[in-house]
Amino acid sequence: MANPRRGEVEAVLDGRRRTLVLTLGALAELEAAFGAADLMALAERFAAGRLAARDAAAILAAGLRGAGEEIAAEEVAAMRIEGGAVGAARLVNALLAATFGAGDPAGSAPPRPTPPQQD
């Protein structure tokens, strides 16, 4: 069971309940993946509110690795996420909010990623 006081979030991925957490190591991975100079730059990027699907997969994979799973972003991208694309966006938002919360380095809670538009 996830412990929100430690920044953990629970999710159902591929039909299995899993815990995600963005540890310092996971955040360092995301800094490198997104070319962010530091945590402030990373938080500012997330605060912009626009994430690509590959960004979401990278964040979720980092969260799973932070919780102890050995998994690549490509594997996460292929997973079924409860709620589909909107569920994935909500999960990313919950993970970022649990990590940065109201006192994030950018000065505000991370935004909700914009769900993909349907044509």
PDB file of N, CA and C in Angstrom:
ATOM      1  N   MET A   1       0.835  -1.175   0.000  1.00  0.00           N
ATOM      2  CA  MET A   1       0.000   0.000   0.000  1.00  0.00           C
ATOM      3  C   MET A   1       0.887   1.248   0.000  1.00  0.00           C
ATOM      4  N   ALA A   2       0.523   2.219  -0.825  1.00  0.00           N
ATOM      5  CA  ALA A   2       1.309   3.437  -0.962  1.00  0.00           C
ATOM      6  C   ALA A   2       1.206   4.302   0.291  1.00  0.00           C
ATOM      7  N   ASN A   3       2.302   4.980   0.600  1.00  0.00           N
ATOM      8  CA  ASN A   3       2.351   5.900   1.734  1.00  0.00           C
ATOM      9  C   ASN A   3       2.476   7.322   1.182  1.00  0.00           C
ATOM     10  N   PRO A   4       1.378   8.093   1.170  1.00  0.00           N
ATOM     11  CA  PRO A   4       1.427   9.439   0.590  1.00  0.00           C
ATOM     12  C   PRO A   4       2.406  10.375   1.303  1.00  0.00           C
ATOM     13  N   ARG A   5       2.695  10.125   2.575  1.00  0.00           N
ATOM     14  CA  ARG A   5       3.649  10.975   3.306  1.00  0.00           C
ATOM     15  C   ARG A   5       5.067  10.817   2.767  1.00  0.00           C
ATOM     16  N   ARG A   6       5.314   9.712   2.087  1.00  0.00           N
ATOM     17  CA  ARG A   6       6.631   9.492   1.463  1.00  0.00           C
ATOM     18  C   ARG A   6       6.590   9.811  -0.026  1.00  0.00           C
ATOM     19  N   GLY A   7       5.495  10.388  -0.501  1.00  0.00           N
ATOM     20  CA  GLY A   7       5.380  10.739  -1.909  1.00  0.00           C
ATOM     21  C   GLY A   7       4.986   9.579  -2.801  1.00  0.00           C
ATOM     22  N   GLU A   8       4.488   8.503  -2.194  1.00  0.00           N
ATOM     23  CA  GLU A   8       4.105   7.327  -2.975  1.00  0.00           C
ATOM     24  C   GLU A   8       2.685   7.467  -3.514  1.00  0.00           C
ATOM     25  N   VAL A   9       2.485   6.906  -4.686  1.00  0.00           N
ATOM     26  CA  VAL A   9       1.188   6.887  -5.355  1.00  0.00           C
ATOM     27  C   VAL A   9       0.924   5.460  -5.792  1.00  0.00           C
ATOM     28  N   GLU A  10      -0.327   5.025  -5.685  1.00  0.00           N
ATOM     29  CA  GLU A  10      -0.717   3.692  -6.164  1.00  0.00           C
ATOM     30  C   GLU A  10      -1.419   3.814  -7.497  1.00  0.00           C
ATOM     31  N   ALA A  11      -1.212   2.813  -8.344  1.00  0.00           N
ATOM     32  CA  ALA A  11      -1.867   2.788  -9.646  1.00  0.00           C
ATOM     33  C   ALA A  11      -2.054   1.352 -10.093  1.00  0.00           C
ATOM     34  N   VAL A  12      -3.014   1.170 -10.989  1.00  0.00           N
ATOM     35  CA  VAL A  12      -3.212  -0.139 -11.610  1.00  0.00           C
ATOM     36  C   VAL A  12      -2.652  -0.058 -13.019  1.00  0.00           C
ATOM     37  N   LEU A  13      -1.577  -0.806 -13.251  1.00  0.00           N
ATOM     38  CA  LEU A  13      -0.912  -0.846 -14.551  1.00  0.00           C
ATOM     39  C   LEU A  13      -0.867  -2.292 -15.011  1.00  0.00           C
ATOM     40  N   ASP A  14      -1.362  -2.526 -16.219  1.00  0.00           N
ATOM     41  CA  ASP A  14      -1.444  -3.885 -16.759  1.00  0.00           C
ATOM     42  C   ASP A  14      -2.199  -4.808 -15.800  1.00  0.00           C
ATOM     43  N   GLY A  15      -3.228  -4.264 -15.160  1.00  0.00           N
ATOM     44  CA  GLY A  15      -4.077  -5.060 -14.282  1.00  0.00           C
ATOM     45  C   GLY A  15      -3.484  -5.368 -12.920  1.00  0.00           C
ATOM     46  N   ARG A  16      -2.325  -4.802 -12.622  1.00  0.00           N
ATOM     47  CA  ARG A  16      -1.655  -5.080 -11.348  1.00  0.00           C
ATOM     48  C   ARG A  16      -1.460  -3.790 -10.554  1.00  0.00           C
ATOM     49  N   ARG A  17      -1.793  -3.828  -9.279  1.00  0.00           N
ATOM     50  CA  ARG A  17      -1.602  -2.665  -8.415  1.00  0.00           C
ATOM     51  C   ARG A  17      -0.113  -2.478  -8.156  1.00  0.00           C
ATOM     52  N   ARG A  18       0.362  -1.257  -8.378  1.00  0.00           N
ATOM     53  CA  ARG A  18       1.777  -0.954  -8.220  1.00  0.00           C
ATOM     54  C   ARG A  18       1.943   0.362  -7.463  1.00  0.00           C
ATOM     55  N   THR A  19       3.111   0.525  -6.878  1.00  0.00           N
ATOM     56  CA  THR A  19       3.453   1.768  -6.184  1.00  0.00           C
ATOM     57  C   THR A  19       4.484   2.510  -7.017  1.00  0.00           C
ATOM     58  N   LEU A  20       4.330   3.834  -7.077  1.00  0.00           N
ATOM     59  CA  LEU A  20       5.285   4.694  -7.773  1.00  0.00           C
ATOM     60  C   LEU A  20       5.762   5.758  -6.792  1.00  0.00           C
ATOM     61  N   VAL A  21       7.029   6.134  -6.875  1.00  0.00           N
ATOM     62  CA  VAL A  21       7.576   7.213  -6.052  1.00  0.00           C
ATOM     63  C   VAL A  21       8.768   7.816  -6.789  1.00  0.00           C
ATOM     64  N   LEU A  22       8.833   9.139  -6.782  1.00  0.00           N
ATOM     65  CA  LEU A  22       9.967   9.811  -7.411  1.00  0.00           C
ATOM     66  C   LEU A  22      11.011  10.115  -6.346  1.00  0.00           C
ATOM     67  N   THR A  23      11.945   9.184  -6.197  1.00  0.00           N
ATOM     68  CA  THR A  23      13.057   9.356  -5.272  1.00  0.00           C
ATOM     69  C   THR A  23      14.038  10.372  -5.859  1.00  0.00           C
ATOM     70  N   LEU A  24      15.041  10.745  -5.093  1.00  0.00           N
ATOM     71  CA  LEU A  24      16.060  11.655  -5.632  1.00  0.00           C
ATOM     72  C   LEU A  24      16.742  11.040  -6.849  1.00  0.00           C
ATOM     73  N   GLY A  25      16.984   9.734  -6.805  1.00  0.00           N
ATOM     74  CA  GLY A  25      17.578   9.064  -7.960  1.00  0.00           C
ATOM     75  C   GLY A  25      16.680   9.131  -9.177  1.00  0.00           C
ATOM     76  N   ALA A  26      15.380   8.927  -8.964  1.00  0.00           N
ATOM     77  CA  ALA A  26      14.421   9.006 -10.068  1.00  0.00           C
ATOM     78  C   ALA A  26      14.352  10.427 -10.619  1.00  0.00           C
ATOM     79  N   LEU A  27      14.399  11.415  -9.735  1.00  0.00           N
ATOM     80  CA  LEU A  27      14.384  12.813 -10.177  1.00  0.00           C
ATOM     81  C   LEU A  27      15.660  13.149 -10.955  1.00  0.00           C
ATOM     82  N   ALA A  28      16.789  12.600 -10.529  1.00  0.00           N
ATOM     83  CA  ALA A  28      18.041  12.810 -11.261  1.00  0.00           C
ATOM     84  C   ALA A  28      17.941  12.219 -12.670  1.00  0.00           C
ATOM     85  N   GLU A  29      17.303  11.056 -12.785  1.00  0.00           N
ATOM     86  CA  GLU A  29      17.078  10.447 -14.107  1.00  0.00           C
ATOM     87  C   GLU A  29      16.254  11.379 -14.981  1.00  0.00           C
ATOM     88  N   LEU A  30      15.195  11.950 -14.392  1.00  0.00           N
ATOM     89  CA  LEU A  30      14.317  12.842 -15.156  1.00  0.00           C
ATOM     90  C   LEU A  30      15.040  14.133 -15.546  1.00  0.00           C
ATOM     91  N   GLU A  31      15.889  14.652 -14.662  1.00  0.00           N
ATOM     92  CA  GLU A  31      16.690  15.827 -15.021  1.00  0.00           C
ATOM     93  C   GLU A  31      17.504  15.528 -16.278  1.00  0.00           C
ATOM     94  N   ALA A  32      18.160  14.375 -16.292  1.00  0.00           N
ATOM     95  CA  ALA A  32      18.977  13.992 -17.444  1.00  0.00           C
ATOM     96  C   ALA A  32      18.110  13.776 -18.686  1.00  0.00           C
ATOM     97  N   ALA A  33      16.995  13.085 -18.524  1.00  0.00           N
ATOM     98  CA  ALA A  33      16.123  12.783 -19.666  1.00  0.00           C
ATOM     99  C   ALA A  33      15.539  14.043 -20.303  1.00  0.00           C
ATOM    100  N   PHE A  34      15.215  15.034 -19.473  1.00  0.00           N
ATOM    101  CA  PHE A  34      14.587  16.256 -19.982  1.00  0.00           C
ATOM    102  C   PHE A  34      15.580  17.396 -20.175  1.00  0.00           C
ATOM    103  N   GLY A  35      16.869  17.141 -19.911  1.00  0.00           N
ATOM    104  CA  GLY A  35      17.876  18.181 -20.085  1.00  0.00           C
ATOM    105  C   GLY A  35      17.712  19.332 -19.107  1.00  0.00           C
ATOM    106  N   ALA A  36      17.209  19.039 -17.922  1.00  0.00           N
ATOM    107  CA  ALA A  36      17.015  20.070 -16.900  1.00  0.00           C
ATOM    108  C   ALA A  36      18.289  20.205 -16.075  1.00  0.00           C
ATOM    109  N   ALA A  37      18.682  21.439 -15.806  1.00  0.00           N
ATOM    110  CA  ALA A  37      19.918  21.694 -15.071  1.00  0.00           C
ATOM    111  C   ALA A  37      19.813  21.318 -13.599  1.00  0.00           C
ATOM    112  N   ASP A  38      18.607  21.403 -13.034  1.00  0.00           N
ATOM    113  CA  ASP A  38      18.425  21.140 -11.603  1.00  0.00           C
ATOM    114  C   ASP A  38      16.947  20.888 -11.311  1.00  0.00           C
ATOM    115  N   LEU A  39      16.638  20.661 -10.036  1.00  0.00           N
ATOM    116  CA  LEU A  39      15.253  20.382  -9.650  1.00  0.00           C
ATOM    117  C   LEU A  39      14.326  21.558  -9.961  1.00  0.00           C
ATOM    118  N   MET A  40      14.813  22.783  -9.798  1.00  0.00           N
ATOM    119  CA  MET A  40      13.997  23.963 -10.104  1.00  0.00           C
ATOM    120  C   MET A  40      13.598  23.957 -11.574  1.00  0.00           C
ATOM    121  N   ALA A  41      14.557  23.686 -12.451  1.00  0.00           N
ATOM    122  CA  ALA A  41      14.267  23.649 -13.885  1.00  0.00           C
ATOM    123  C   ALA A  41      13.302  22.511 -14.210  1.00  0.00           C
ATOM    124  N   LEU A  42      13.463  21.382 -13.536  1.00  0.00           N
ATOM    125  CA  LEU A  42      12.571  20.248 -13.754  1.00  0.00           C
ATOM    126  C   LEU A  42      11.148  20.606 -13.319  1.00  0.00           C
ATOM    127  N   ALA A  43      11.014  21.199 -12.132  1.00  0.00           N
ATOM    128  CA  ALA A  43       9.694  21.602 -11.638  1.00  0.00           C
ATOM    129  C   ALA A  43       9.061  22.637 -12.560  1.00  0.00           C
ATOM    130  N   GLU A  44       9.857  23.561 -13.066  1.00  0.00           N
ATOM    131  CA  GLU A  44       9.326  24.570 -13.994  1.00  0.00           C
ATOM    132  C   GLU A  44       8.837  23.930 -15.281  1.00  0.00           C
ATOM    133  N   ARG A  45       9.561  22.934 -15.744  1.00  0.00           N
ATOM    134  CA  ARG A  45       9.123  22.222 -16.955  1.00  0.00           C
ATOM    135  C   ARG A  45       7.768  21.562 -16.718  1.00  0.00           C
ATOM    136  N   PHE A  46       7.638  20.898 -15.568  1.00  0.00           N
ATOM    137  CA  PHE A  46       6.372  20.242 -15.252  1.00  0.00           C
ATOM    138  C   PHE A  46       5.261  21.264 -15.035  1.00  0.00           C
ATOM    139  N   ALA A  47       5.595  22.412 -14.468  1.00  0.00           N
ATOM    140  CA  ALA A  47       4.597  23.446 -14.203  1.00  0.00           C
ATOM    141  C   ALA A  47       4.039  24.037 -15.496  1.00  0.00           C
ATOM    142  N   ALA A  48       4.755  23.867 -16.611  1.00  0.00           N
ATOM    143  CA  ALA A  48       4.262  24.363 -17.898  1.00  0.00           C
ATOM    144  C   ALA A  48       2.987  23.631 -18.314  1.00  0.00           C
ATOM    145  N   GLY A  49       2.795  22.407 -17.790  1.00  0.00           N
ATOM    146  CA  GLY A  49       1.538  21.696 -18.007  1.00  0.00           C
ATOM    147  C   GLY A  49       1.402  20.945 -19.310  1.00  0.00           C
ATOM    148  N   ARG A  50       2.405  20.940 -20.136  1.00  0.00           N
ATOM    149  CA  ARG A  50       2.314  20.231 -21.411  1.00  0.00           C
ATOM    150  C   ARG A  50       3.334  19.115 -21.428  1.00  0.00           C
ATOM    151  N   LEU A  51       2.829  17.888 -21.466  1.00  0.00           N
ATOM    152  CA  LEU A  51       3.701  16.721 -21.498  1.00  0.00           C
ATOM    153  C   LEU A  51       3.318  15.850 -22.681  1.00  0.00           C
ATOM    154  N   ALA A  52       4.317  15.376 -23.395  1.00  0.00           N
ATOM    155  CA  ALA A  52       4.091  14.420 -24.472  1.00  0.00           C
ATOM    156  C   ALA A  52       3.875  13.038 -23.862  1.00  0.00           C
ATOM    157  N   ALA A  53       3.327  12.136 -24.622  1.00  0.00           N
ATOM    158  CA  ALA A  53       3.121  10.766 -24.146  1.00  0.00           C
ATOM    159  C   ALA A  53       4.447  10.144 -23.727  1.00  0.00           C
ATOM    160  N   ARG A  54       5.515  10.404 -24.466  1.00  0.00           N
ATOM    161  CA  ARG A  54       6.827   9.851 -24.092  1.00  0.00           C
ATOM    162  C   ARG A  54       7.316  10.445 -22.777  1.00  0.00           C
ATOM    163  N   ASP A  55       6.957  11.718 -22.502  1.00  0.00           N
ATOM    164  CA  ASP A  55       7.306  12.334 -21.223  1.00  0.00           C
ATOM    165  C   ASP A  55       6.586  11.611 -20.092  1.00  0.00           C
ATOM    166  N   ALA A  56       5.293  11.343 -20.298  1.00  0.00           N
ATOM    167  CA  ALA A  56       4.498  10.641 -19.284  1.00  0.00           C
ATOM    168  C   ALA A  56       5.077   9.257 -19.022  1.00  0.00           C
ATOM    169  N   ALA A  57       5.453   8.550 -20.090  1.00  0.00           N
ATOM    170  CA  ALA A  57       6.038   7.213 -19.928  1.00  0.00           C
ATOM    171  C   ALA A  57       7.350   7.294 -19.152  1.00  0.00           C
ATOM    172  N   ALA A  58       8.171   8.312 -19.425  1.00  0.00           N
ATOM    173  CA  ALA A  58       9.441   8.477 -18.709  1.00  0.00           C
ATOM    174  C   ALA A  58       9.205   8.767 -17.228  1.00  0.00           C
ATOM    175  N   ILE A  59       8.222   9.605 -16.927  1.00  0.00           N
ATOM    176  CA  ILE A  59       7.915   9.948 -15.536  1.00  0.00           C
ATOM    177  C   ILE A  59       7.385   8.727 -14.792  1.00  0.00           C
ATOM    178  N   LEU A  60       6.464   8.001 -15.415  1.00  0.00           N
ATOM    179  CA  LEU A  60       5.902   6.815 -14.772  1.00  0.00           C
ATOM    180  C   LEU A  60       6.969   5.734 -14.583  1.00  0.00           C
ATOM    181  N   ALA A  61       7.827   5.556 -15.575  1.00  0.00           N
ATOM    182  CA  ALA A  61       8.903   4.563 -15.443  1.00  0.00           C
ATOM    183  C   ALA A  61       9.847   4.951 -14.309  1.00  0.00           C
ATOM    184  N   ALA A  62      10.188   6.232 -14.212  1.00  0.00           N
ATOM    185  CA  ALA A  62      11.052   6.698 -13.121  1.00  0.00           C
ATOM    186  C   ALA A  62      10.381   6.453 -11.774  1.00  0.00           C
ATOM    187  N   GLY A  63       9.074   6.678 -11.712  1.00  0.00           N
ATOM    188  CA  GLY A  63       8.333   6.431 -10.475  1.00  0.00           C
ATOM    189  C   GLY A  63       8.310   4.960 -10.097  1.00  0.00           C
ATOM    190  N   LEU A  64       8.163   4.097 -11.081  1.00  0.00           N
ATOM    191  CA  LEU A  64       8.194   2.658 -10.812  1.00  0.00           C
ATOM    192  C   LEU A  64       9.588   2.222 -10.372  1.00  0.00           C
ATOM    193  N   ARG A  65      10.619   2.740 -11.043  1.00  0.00           N
ATOM    194  CA  ARG A  65      11.988   2.411 -10.644  1.00  0.00           C
ATOM    195  C   ARG A  65      12.286   2.933  -9.244  1.00  0.00           C
ATOM    196  N   GLY A  66      11.758   4.119  -8.921  1.00  0.00           N
ATOM    197  CA  GLY A  66      11.937   4.676  -7.584  1.00  0.00           C
ATOM    198  C   GLY A  66      11.332   3.783  -6.512  1.00  0.00           C
ATOM    199  N   ALA A  67      10.294   3.036  -6.888  1.00  0.00           N
ATOM    200  CA  ALA A  67       9.637   2.112  -5.956  1.00  0.00           C
ATOM    201  C   ALA A  67      10.267   0.717  -6.005  1.00  0.00           C
ATOM    202  N   GLY A  68      11.327   0.543  -6.811  1.00  0.00           N
ATOM    203  CA  GLY A  68      12.062  -0.712  -6.808  1.00  0.00           C
ATOM    204  C   GLY A  68      11.865  -1.624  -7.999  1.00  0.00           C
ATOM    205  N   GLU A  69      11.039  -1.233  -8.969  1.00  0.00           N
ATOM    206  CA  GLU A  69      10.855  -2.081 -10.148  1.00  0.00           C
ATOM    207  C   GLU A  69      11.951  -1.798 -11.173  1.00  0.00           C
ATOM    208  N   GLU A  70      12.355  -2.824 -11.887  1.00  0.00           N
ATOM    209  CA  GLU A  70      13.289  -2.657 -12.993  1.00  0.00           C
ATOM    210  C   GLU A  70      12.463  -2.628 -14.269  1.00  0.00           C
ATOM    211  N   ILE A  71      12.296  -1.427 -14.817  1.00  0.00           N
ATOM    212  CA  ILE A  71      11.422  -1.270 -15.971  1.00  0.00           C
ATOM    213  C   ILE A  71      11.888  -0.087 -16.811  1.00  0.00           C
ATOM    214  N   ALA A  72      11.727  -0.198 -18.112  1.00  0.00           N
ATOM    215  CA  ALA A  72      12.106   0.865 -19.041  1.00  0.00           C
ATOM    216  C   ALA A  72      10.867   1.654 -19.455  1.00  0.00           C
ATOM    217  N   ALA A  73      11.087   2.880 -19.878  1.00  0.00           N
ATOM    218  CA  ALA A  73       9.982   3.733 -20.331  1.00  0.00           C
ATOM    219  C   ALA A  73       9.221   3.076 -21.487  1.00  0.00           C
ATOM    220  N   GLU A  74       9.939   2.344 -22.337  1.00  0.00           N
ATOM    221  CA  GLU A  74       9.277   1.680 -23.467  1.00  0.00           C
ATOM    222  C   GLU A  74       8.290   0.624 -22.979  1.00  0.00           C
ATOM    223  N   GLU A  75       8.641  -0.058 -21.884  1.00  0.00           N
ATOM    224  CA  GLU A  75       7.736  -1.059 -21.314  1.00  0.00           C
ATOM    225  C   GLU A  75       6.500  -0.379 -20.722  1.00  0.00           C
ATOM    226  N   VAL A  76       6.702   0.749 -20.067  1.00  0.00           N
ATOM    227  CA  VAL A  76       5.575   1.493 -19.492  1.00  0.00           C
ATOM    228  C   VAL A  76       4.664   1.983 -20.604  1.00  0.00           C
ATOM    229  N   ALA A  77       5.247   2.446 -21.703  1.00  0.00           N
ATOM    230  CA  ALA A  77       4.457   2.951 -22.828  1.00  0.00           C
ATOM    231  C   ALA A  77       3.536   1.878 -23.401  1.00  0.00           C
ATOM    232  N   ALA A  78       3.917   0.620 -23.274  1.00  0.00           N
ATOM    233  CA  ALA A  78       3.111  -0.482 -23.802  1.00  0.00           C
ATOM    234  C   ALA A  78       2.075  -0.998 -22.801  1.00  0.00           C
ATOM    235  N   MET A  79       2.106  -0.508 -21.567  1.00  0.00           N
ATOM    236  CA  MET A  79       1.185  -0.998 -20.532  1.00  0.00           C
ATOM    237  C   MET A  79      -0.222  -0.425 -20.701  1.00  0.00           C
ATOM    238  N   ARG A  80      -1.178  -1.220 -20.250  1.00  0.00           N
ATOM    239  CA  ARG A  80      -2.554  -0.734 -20.140  1.00  0.00           C
ATOM    240  C   ARG A  80      -2.655   0.000 -18.810  1.00  0.00           C
ATOM    241  N   ILE A  81      -3.116   1.250 -18.882  1.00  0.00           N
ATOM    242  CA  ILE A  81      -3.255   2.062 -17.675  1.00  0.00           C
ATOM    243  C   ILE A  81      -4.728   2.288 -17.428  1.00  0.00           C
ATOM    244  N   GLU A  82      -5.139   2.023 -16.205  1.00  0.00           N
ATOM    245  CA  GLU A  82      -6.542   2.210 -15.840  1.00  0.00           C
ATOM    246  C   GLU A  82      -6.963   3.632 -16.208  1.00  0.00           C
ATOM    247  N   GLY A  83      -8.003   3.761 -17.036  1.00  0.00           N
ATOM    248  CA  GLY A  83      -8.478   5.068 -17.461  1.00  0.00           C
ATOM    249  C   GLY A  83      -7.875   5.546 -18.767  1.00  0.00           C
ATOM    250  N   GLY A  84      -7.023   4.722 -19.391  1.00  0.00           N
ATOM    251  CA  GLY A  84      -6.444   5.079 -20.687  1.00  0.00           C
ATOM    252  C   GLY A  84      -5.524   6.286 -20.618  1.00  0.00           C
ATOM    253  N   ALA A  85      -5.523   7.086 -21.684  1.00  0.00           N
ATOM    254  CA  ALA A  85      -4.633   8.246 -21.758  1.00  0.00           C
ATOM    255  C   ALA A  85      -4.959   9.274 -20.681  1.00  0.00           C
ATOM    256  N   VAL A  86      -6.249   9.464 -20.421  1.00  0.00           N
ATOM    257  CA  VAL A  86      -6.649  10.409 -19.366  1.00  0.00           C
ATOM    258  C   VAL A  86      -6.190   9.885 -18.006  1.00  0.00           C
ATOM    259  N   GLY A  87      -6.310   8.579 -17.787  1.00  0.00           N
ATOM    260  CA  GLY A  87      -5.841   7.976 -16.545  1.00  0.00           C
ATOM    261  C   GLY A  87      -4.340   8.128 -16.378  1.00  0.00           C
ATOM    262  N   ALA A  88      -3.596   8.012 -17.474  1.00  0.00           N
ATOM    263  CA  ALA A  88      -2.141   8.186 -17.425  1.00  0.00           C
ATOM    264  C   ALA A  88      -1.799   9.627 -17.055  1.00  0.00           C
ATOM    265  N   ALA A  89      -2.505  10.590 -17.653  1.00  0.00           N
ATOM    266  CA  ALA A  89      -2.271  12.001 -17.336  1.00  0.00           C
ATOM    267  C   ALA A  89      -2.587  12.286 -15.868  1.00  0.00           C
ATOM    268  N   ARG A  90      -3.664  11.710 -15.376  1.00  0.00           N
ATOM    269  CA  ARG A  90      -4.010  11.897 -13.954  1.00  0.00           C
ATOM    270  C   ARG A  90      -2.966  11.266 -13.043  1.00  0.00           C
ATOM    271  N   LEU A  91      -2.468  10.110 -13.439  1.00  0.00           N
ATOM    272  CA  LEU A  91      -1.453   9.434 -12.642  1.00  0.00           C
ATOM    273  C   LEU A  91      -0.167  10.256 -12.593  1.00  0.00           C
ATOM    274  N   VAL A  92       0.252  10.786 -13.730  1.00  0.00           N
ATOM    275  CA  VAL A  92       1.440  11.643 -13.762  1.00  0.00           C
ATOM    276  C   VAL A  92       1.218  12.845 -12.850  1.00  0.00           C
ATOM    277  N   ASN A  93       0.046  13.466 -12.946  1.00  0.00           N
ATOM    278  CA  ASN A  93      -0.255  14.626 -12.104  1.00  0.00           C
ATOM    279  C   ASN A  93      -0.198  14.260 -10.624  1.00  0.00           C
ATOM    280  N   ALA A  94      -0.773  13.124 -10.258  1.00  0.00           N
ATOM    281  CA  ALA A  94      -0.769  12.692  -8.852  1.00  0.00           C
ATOM    282  C   ALA A  94       0.659  12.443  -8.366  1.00  0.00           C
ATOM    283  N   LEU A  95       1.481  11.841  -9.216  1.00  0.00           N
ATOM    284  CA  LEU A  95       2.865  11.553  -8.845  1.00  0.00           C
ATOM    285  C   LEU A  95       3.657  12.847  -8.667  1.00  0.00           C
ATOM    286  N   LEU A  96       3.478  13.795  -9.589  1.00  0.00           N
ATOM    287  CA  LEU A  96       4.174  15.080  -9.473  1.00  0.00           C
ATOM    288  C   LEU A  96       3.691  15.864  -8.258  1.00  0.00           C
ATOM    289  N   ALA A  97       2.393  15.841  -8.014  1.00  0.00           N
ATOM    290  CA  ALA A  97       1.853  16.540  -6.840  1.00  0.00           C
ATOM    291  C   ALA A  97       2.360  15.913  -5.552  1.00  0.00           C
ATOM    292  N   ALA A  98       2.454  14.589  -5.511  1.00  0.00           N
ATOM    293  CA  ALA A  98       2.962  13.905  -4.318  1.00  0.00           C
ATOM    294  C   ALA A  98       4.438  14.219  -4.103  1.00  0.00           C
ATOM    295  N   THR A  99       5.162  14.450  -5.188  1.00  0.00           N
ATOM    296  CA  THR A  99       6.592  14.724  -5.101  1.00  0.00           C
ATOM    297  C   THR A  99       6.866  16.182  -4.750  1.00  0.00           C
ATOM    298  N   PHE A 100       6.244  17.095  -5.488  1.00  0.00           N
ATOM    299  CA  PHE A 100       6.531  18.512  -5.312  1.00  0.00           C
ATOM    300  C   PHE A 100       5.528  19.219  -4.408  1.00  0.00           C
ATOM    301  N   GLY A 101       4.279  18.742  -4.402  1.00  0.00           N
ATOM    302  CA  GLY A 101       3.243  19.310  -3.541  1.00  0.00           C
ATOM    303  C   GLY A 101       3.120  20.809  -3.641  1.00  0.00           C
ATOM    304  N   ALA A 102       2.493  21.398  -2.631  1.00  0.00           N
ATOM    305  CA  ALA A 102       2.258  22.843  -2.624  1.00  0.00           C
ATOM    306  C   ALA A 102       3.551  23.621  -2.463  1.00  0.00           C
ATOM    307  N   GLY A 103       4.579  22.994  -1.922  1.00  0.00           N
ATOM    308  CA  GLY A 103       5.832  23.699  -1.703  1.00  0.00           C
ATOM    309  C   GLY A 103       6.884  23.354  -2.729  1.00  0.00           C
ATOM    310  N   ASP A 104       6.475  23.119  -3.977  1.00  0.00           N
ATOM    311  CA  ASP A 104       7.466  22.717  -4.982  1.00  0.00           C
ATOM    312  C   ASP A 104       8.428  23.859  -5.290  1.00  0.00           C
ATOM    313  N   PRO A 105       9.594  23.538  -5.841  1.00  0.00           N
ATOM    314  CA  PRO A 105      10.607  24.551  -6.107  1.00  0.00           C
ATOM    315  C   PRO A 105      10.150  25.645  -7.064  1.00  0.00           C
ATOM    316  N   ALA A 106       9.144  25.393  -7.889  1.00  0.00           N
ATOM    317  CA  ALA A 106       8.677  26.416  -8.827  1.00  0.00           C
ATOM    318  C   ALA A 106       7.673  27.350  -8.173  1.00  0.00           C
ATOM    319  N   GLY A 107       7.244  27.031  -6.946  1.00  0.00           N
ATOM    320  CA  GLY A 107       6.354  27.918  -6.228  1.00  0.00           C
ATOM    321  C   GLY A 107       4.884  27.599  -6.365  1.00  0.00           C
ATOM    322  N   SER A 108       4.538  26.563  -7.113  1.00  0.00           N
ATOM    323  CA  SER A 108       3.137  26.174  -7.232  1.00  0.00           C
ATOM    324  C   SER A 108       3.074  24.681  -7.486  1.00  0.00           C
ATOM    325  N   ALA A 109       1.928  24.111  -7.221  1.00  0.00           N
ATOM    326  CA  ALA A 109       1.755  22.681  -7.450  1.00  0.00           C
ATOM    327  C   ALA A 109       1.855  22.397  -8.937  1.00  0.00           C
ATOM    328  N   PRO A 110       2.395  21.243  -9.318  1.00  0.00           N
ATOM    329  CA  PRO A 110       2.471  20.897 -10.734  1.00  0.00           C
ATOM    330  C   PRO A 110       1.074  20.865 -11.343  1.00  0.00           C
ATOM    331  N   PRO A 111       0.960  21.251 -12.580  1.00  0.00           N
ATOM    332  CA  PRO A 111      -0.340  21.288 -13.244  1.00  0.00           C
ATOM    333  C   PRO A 111      -0.785  19.910 -13.667  1.00  0.00           C
ATOM    334  N   ARG A 112      -2.014  19.851 -14.080  1.00  0.00           N
ATOM    335  CA  ARG A 112      -2.527  18.629 -14.681  1.00  0.00           C
ATOM    336  C   ARG A 112      -2.062  18.594 -16.125  1.00  0.00           C
ATOM    337  N   PRO A 113      -1.405  17.523 -16.536  1.00  0.00           N
ATOM    338  CA  PRO A 113      -1.039  17.424 -17.950  1.00  0.00           C
ATOM    339  C   PRO A 113      -2.297  17.418 -18.809  1.00  0.00           C
ATOM    340  N   THR A 114      -2.219  18.046 -19.950  1.00  0.00           N
ATOM    341  CA  THR A 114      -3.350  18.124 -20.849  1.00  0.00           C
ATOM    342  C   THR A 114      -3.578  16.765 -21.503  1.00  0.00           C
ATOM    343  N   PRO A 115      -4.795  16.171 -21.331  1.00  0.00           N
ATOM    344  CA  PRO A 115      -5.064  14.886 -21.987  1.00  0.00           C
ATOM    345  C   PRO A 115      -5.037  15.050 -23.498  1.00  0.00           C
ATOM    346  N   PRO A 116      -4.731  13.973 -24.226  1.00  0.00           N
ATOM    347  CA  PRO A 116      -4.720  14.058 -25.681  1.00  0.00           C
ATOM    348  C   PRO A 116      -6.093  14.470 -26.212  1.00  0.00           C
ATOM    349  N   GLN A 117      -6.092  15.271 -27.251  1.00  0.00           N
ATOM    350  CA  GLN A 117      -7.346  15.690 -27.860  1.00  0.00           C
ATOM    351  C   GLN A 117      -7.854  14.610 -28.788  1.00  0.00           C
ATOM    352  N   GLN A 118      -9.164  14.444 -28.803  1.00  0.00           N
ATOM    353  CA  GLN A 118      -9.750  13.457 -29.705  1.00  0.00           C
ATOM    354  C   GLN A 118     -10.353  14.186 -30.897  1.00  0.00           C
ATOM    355  N   ASP A 119     -10.117  13.632 -32.069  1.00  0.00           N
ATOM    356  CA  ASP A 119     -10.625  14.252 -33.297  1.00  0.00           C
ATOM    357  C   ASP A 119     -11.957  13.681 -33.668  1.00  0.00           C
TER     358      ASP A 119
END
